[in-house]
Amino acid sequence: MYLDAAIQEFITEGDYDLFFQSLEQVIKARMSISEFSQKTGITRAALYEMFKGERVPRLDTIGKLLKELGFSLHVA
C-alpha cells in the first residue's frame, strides 16, 4: 500500500522524488541494491540516479522495476 500511495501521489501531483524514494525503501526492505540491479539488468549507478531524482526513467524501466518487485501498474 505504501508504494501504491506514492504512485498515486506521483500521478496526481507529479511528485517524482517521493515515488522513487518509496521505491528505494521497498527494494532495500527486500534485498540489496546490488542484488536488485543484477536481477533487473539496471546498473546500480542508474538506480541511485533515479532514487536521487537525477535521472527520469522511461516507462519500460519503471515497468521492469515494478515487475521485479511483484507489482503491476494499472491505469484506470
N, C-alpha and C. Protein backbone atom coordinates (compact mmCIF):
# COMPACT_ATOMS: atom_id res chain seq x y z
N MET A 1 0.82 -1.19 0.00
CA MET A 1 0.00 0.00 0.00
C MET A 1 0.87 1.26 0.00
N TYR A 2 2.03 1.16 0.63
CA TYR A 2 2.94 2.29 0.72
C TYR A 2 3.36 2.75 -0.68
N LEU A 3 3.77 1.80 -1.50
CA LEU A 3 4.21 2.14 -2.84
C LEU A 3 3.04 2.61 -3.70
N ASP A 4 1.89 2.00 -3.51
CA ASP A 4 0.69 2.42 -4.24
C ASP A 4 0.36 3.87 -3.94
N ALA A 5 0.43 4.26 -2.67
CA ALA A 5 0.15 5.65 -2.29
C ALA A 5 1.16 6.59 -2.94
N ALA A 6 2.41 6.17 -3.00
CA ALA A 6 3.45 7.00 -3.61
C ALA A 6 3.22 7.14 -5.12
N ILE A 7 2.75 6.06 -5.75
CA ILE A 7 2.45 6.13 -7.18
C ILE A 7 1.29 7.08 -7.42
N GLN A 8 0.27 7.01 -6.60
CA GLN A 8 -0.87 7.90 -6.74
C GLN A 8 -0.45 9.36 -6.56
N GLU A 9 0.42 9.61 -5.62
CA GLU A 9 0.94 10.97 -5.40
C GLU A 9 1.72 11.44 -6.63
N PHE A 10 2.51 10.53 -7.19
CA PHE A 10 3.28 10.85 -8.38
C PHE A 10 2.35 11.21 -9.54
N ILE A 11 1.29 10.43 -9.72
CA ILE A 11 0.36 10.65 -10.82
C ILE A 11 -0.42 11.95 -10.64
N THR A 12 -0.93 12.19 -9.44
CA THR A 12 -1.78 13.37 -9.22
C THR A 12 -1.00 14.66 -9.03
N GLU A 13 0.13 14.57 -8.34
CA GLU A 13 0.88 15.78 -8.00
C GLU A 13 2.20 15.93 -8.76
N GLY A 14 2.61 14.86 -9.46
CA GLY A 14 3.89 14.91 -10.17
C GLY A 14 5.08 14.82 -9.23
N ASP A 15 4.87 14.26 -8.03
CA ASP A 15 5.95 14.16 -7.04
C ASP A 15 6.84 12.96 -7.34
N TYR A 16 7.71 13.14 -8.31
CA TYR A 16 8.64 12.11 -8.76
C TYR A 16 9.55 11.65 -7.62
N ASP A 17 10.06 12.59 -6.85
CA ASP A 17 11.02 12.25 -5.78
C ASP A 17 10.41 11.32 -4.74
N LEU A 18 9.20 11.58 -4.31
CA LEU A 18 8.54 10.73 -3.32
C LEU A 18 8.37 9.31 -3.84
N PHE A 19 7.95 9.17 -5.09
CA PHE A 19 7.76 7.85 -5.67
C PHE A 19 9.06 7.06 -5.67
N PHE A 20 10.14 7.66 -6.13
CA PHE A 20 11.39 6.91 -6.22
C PHE A 20 12.07 6.72 -4.87
N GLN A 21 11.86 7.60 -3.93
CA GLN A 21 12.35 7.35 -2.57
C GLN A 21 11.60 6.17 -1.96
N SER A 22 10.31 6.10 -2.22
CA SER A 22 9.50 4.98 -1.73
C SER A 22 9.94 3.69 -2.39
N LEU A 23 10.18 3.74 -3.68
CA LEU A 23 10.65 2.56 -4.40
C LEU A 23 11.98 2.07 -3.84
N GLU A 24 12.88 2.98 -3.55
CA GLU A 24 14.17 2.62 -2.96
C GLU A 24 13.97 1.91 -1.62
N GLN A 25 13.09 2.42 -0.79
CA GLN A 25 12.84 1.80 0.51
C GLN A 25 12.26 0.40 0.38
N VAL A 26 11.35 0.22 -0.58
CA VAL A 26 10.76 -1.10 -0.79
C VAL A 26 11.82 -2.09 -1.27
N ILE A 27 12.66 -1.65 -2.19
CA ILE A 27 13.74 -2.52 -2.69
C ILE A 27 14.67 -2.91 -1.55
N LYS A 28 15.11 -1.93 -0.76
CA LYS A 28 16.05 -2.20 0.33
C LYS A 28 15.45 -3.09 1.41
N ALA A 29 14.13 -3.05 1.56
CA ALA A 29 13.48 -3.92 2.54
C ALA A 29 13.49 -5.38 2.08
N ARG A 30 13.63 -5.59 0.79
CA ARG A 30 13.57 -6.95 0.25
C ARG A 30 14.93 -7.54 -0.09
N MET A 31 15.86 -6.69 -0.52
CA MET A 31 17.17 -7.17 -0.96
C MET A 31 18.12 -5.99 -1.08
N SER A 32 19.36 -6.29 -1.38
CA SER A 32 20.33 -5.21 -1.57
C SER A 32 20.13 -4.58 -2.95
N ILE A 33 20.59 -3.36 -3.08
CA ILE A 33 20.50 -2.67 -4.37
C ILE A 33 21.33 -3.43 -5.41
N SER A 34 22.46 -3.97 -5.01
CA SER A 34 23.30 -4.75 -5.93
C SER A 34 22.54 -5.96 -6.47
N GLU A 35 21.88 -6.67 -5.58
CA GLU A 35 21.10 -7.85 -6.00
C GLU A 35 19.97 -7.44 -6.94
N PHE A 36 19.28 -6.37 -6.59
CA PHE A 36 18.18 -5.89 -7.42
C PHE A 36 18.72 -5.46 -8.79
N SER A 37 19.85 -4.81 -8.79
CA SER A 37 20.48 -4.38 -10.03
C SER A 37 20.76 -5.57 -10.94
N GLN A 38 21.29 -6.63 -10.37
CA GLN A 38 21.59 -7.83 -11.16
C GLN A 38 20.32 -8.46 -11.71
N LYS A 39 19.28 -8.51 -10.90
CA LYS A 39 18.02 -9.13 -11.33
C LYS A 39 17.33 -8.35 -12.45
N THR A 40 17.44 -7.04 -12.42
CA THR A 40 16.75 -6.21 -13.40
C THR A 40 17.61 -5.85 -14.60
N GLY A 41 18.92 -5.96 -14.46
CA GLY A 41 19.80 -5.55 -15.53
C GLY A 41 20.00 -4.04 -15.60
N ILE A 42 19.58 -3.35 -14.55
CA ILE A 42 19.75 -1.90 -14.46
C ILE A 42 20.92 -1.64 -13.53
N THR A 43 21.86 -0.84 -13.96
CA THR A 43 23.06 -0.64 -13.15
C THR A 43 22.73 0.02 -11.81
N ARG A 44 23.58 -0.25 -10.82
CA ARG A 44 23.40 0.38 -9.51
C ARG A 44 23.44 1.90 -9.65
N ALA A 45 24.37 2.38 -10.48
CA ALA A 45 24.51 3.82 -10.67
C ALA A 45 23.20 4.41 -11.21
N ALA A 46 22.59 3.75 -12.19
CA ALA A 46 21.34 4.25 -12.76
C ALA A 46 20.22 4.22 -11.72
N LEU A 47 20.18 3.17 -10.91
CA LEU A 47 19.17 3.10 -9.85
C LEU A 47 19.34 4.25 -8.87
N TYR A 48 20.56 4.47 -8.41
CA TYR A 48 20.78 5.55 -7.46
C TYR A 48 20.49 6.92 -8.07
N GLU A 49 20.76 7.10 -9.36
CA GLU A 49 20.42 8.36 -10.02
C GLU A 49 18.91 8.57 -10.03
N MET A 50 18.15 7.48 -10.24
CA MET A 50 16.69 7.58 -10.18
C MET A 50 16.24 7.93 -8.77
N PHE A 51 16.80 7.26 -7.77
CA PHE A 51 16.40 7.48 -6.38
C PHE A 51 16.66 8.92 -5.95
N LYS A 52 17.73 9.52 -6.48
CA LYS A 52 18.10 10.89 -6.13
C LYS A 52 17.38 11.93 -6.99
N GLY A 53 16.63 11.47 -7.98
CA GLY A 53 15.94 12.41 -8.87
C GLY A 53 16.83 12.99 -9.94
N GLU A 54 17.97 12.39 -10.16
CA GLU A 54 18.91 12.87 -11.17
C GLU A 54 18.63 12.28 -12.55
N ARG A 55 17.83 11.24 -12.59
CA ARG A 55 17.51 10.56 -13.85
C ARG A 55 16.02 10.23 -13.86
N VAL A 56 15.38 10.53 -14.97
CA VAL A 56 13.98 10.19 -15.14
C VAL A 56 13.93 8.96 -16.04
N PRO A 57 13.46 7.83 -15.51
CA PRO A 57 13.46 6.61 -16.30
C PRO A 57 12.32 6.58 -17.31
N ARG A 58 12.50 5.76 -18.32
CA ARG A 58 11.43 5.53 -19.29
C ARG A 58 10.38 4.63 -18.65
N LEU A 59 9.21 4.61 -19.25
CA LEU A 59 8.11 3.80 -18.73
C LEU A 59 8.47 2.32 -18.69
N ASP A 60 9.19 1.82 -19.69
CA ASP A 60 9.56 0.41 -19.68
C ASP A 60 10.49 0.08 -18.52
N THR A 61 11.31 1.03 -18.11
CA THR A 61 12.19 0.83 -16.96
C THR A 61 11.38 0.78 -15.67
N ILE A 62 10.42 1.65 -15.53
CA ILE A 62 9.54 1.63 -14.36
C ILE A 62 8.80 0.30 -14.31
N GLY A 63 8.32 -0.15 -15.47
CA GLY A 63 7.65 -1.44 -15.53
C GLY A 63 8.55 -2.58 -15.08
N LYS A 64 9.81 -2.54 -15.48
CA LYS A 64 10.77 -3.57 -15.10
C LYS A 64 11.01 -3.56 -13.59
N LEU A 65 11.12 -2.38 -13.02
CA LEU A 65 11.34 -2.26 -11.57
C LEU A 65 10.14 -2.83 -10.81
N LEU A 66 8.95 -2.43 -11.20
CA LEU A 66 7.74 -2.89 -10.51
C LEU A 66 7.53 -4.39 -10.68
N LYS A 67 7.79 -4.90 -11.89
CA LYS A 67 7.63 -6.33 -12.14
C LYS A 67 8.55 -7.15 -11.24
N GLU A 68 9.79 -6.73 -11.11
CA GLU A 68 10.74 -7.46 -10.26
C GLU A 68 10.30 -7.48 -8.81
N LEU A 69 9.61 -6.44 -8.39
CA LEU A 69 9.10 -6.38 -7.01
C LEU A 69 7.77 -7.10 -6.85
N GLY A 70 7.22 -7.60 -7.95
CA GLY A 70 5.96 -8.33 -7.88
C GLY A 70 4.73 -7.44 -7.99
N PHE A 71 4.92 -6.21 -8.45
CA PHE A 71 3.82 -5.27 -8.62
C PHE A 71 3.47 -5.14 -10.09
N SER A 72 2.32 -4.61 -10.36
CA SER A 72 1.94 -4.26 -11.72
C SER A 72 1.37 -2.85 -11.70
N LEU A 73 1.37 -2.25 -12.84
CA LEU A 73 0.88 -0.87 -12.97
C LEU A 73 -0.40 -0.92 -13.78
N HIS A 74 -1.47 -0.37 -13.23
CA HIS A 74 -2.76 -0.34 -13.90
C HIS A 74 -3.18 1.11 -14.07
N VAL A 75 -3.75 1.37 -15.20
CA VAL A 75 -4.26 2.70 -15.48
C VAL A 75 -5.79 2.61 -15.44
N ALA A 76 -6.39 3.47 -14.66
CA ALA A 76 -7.86 3.44 -14.54
C ALA A 76 -8.44 4.81 -14.76
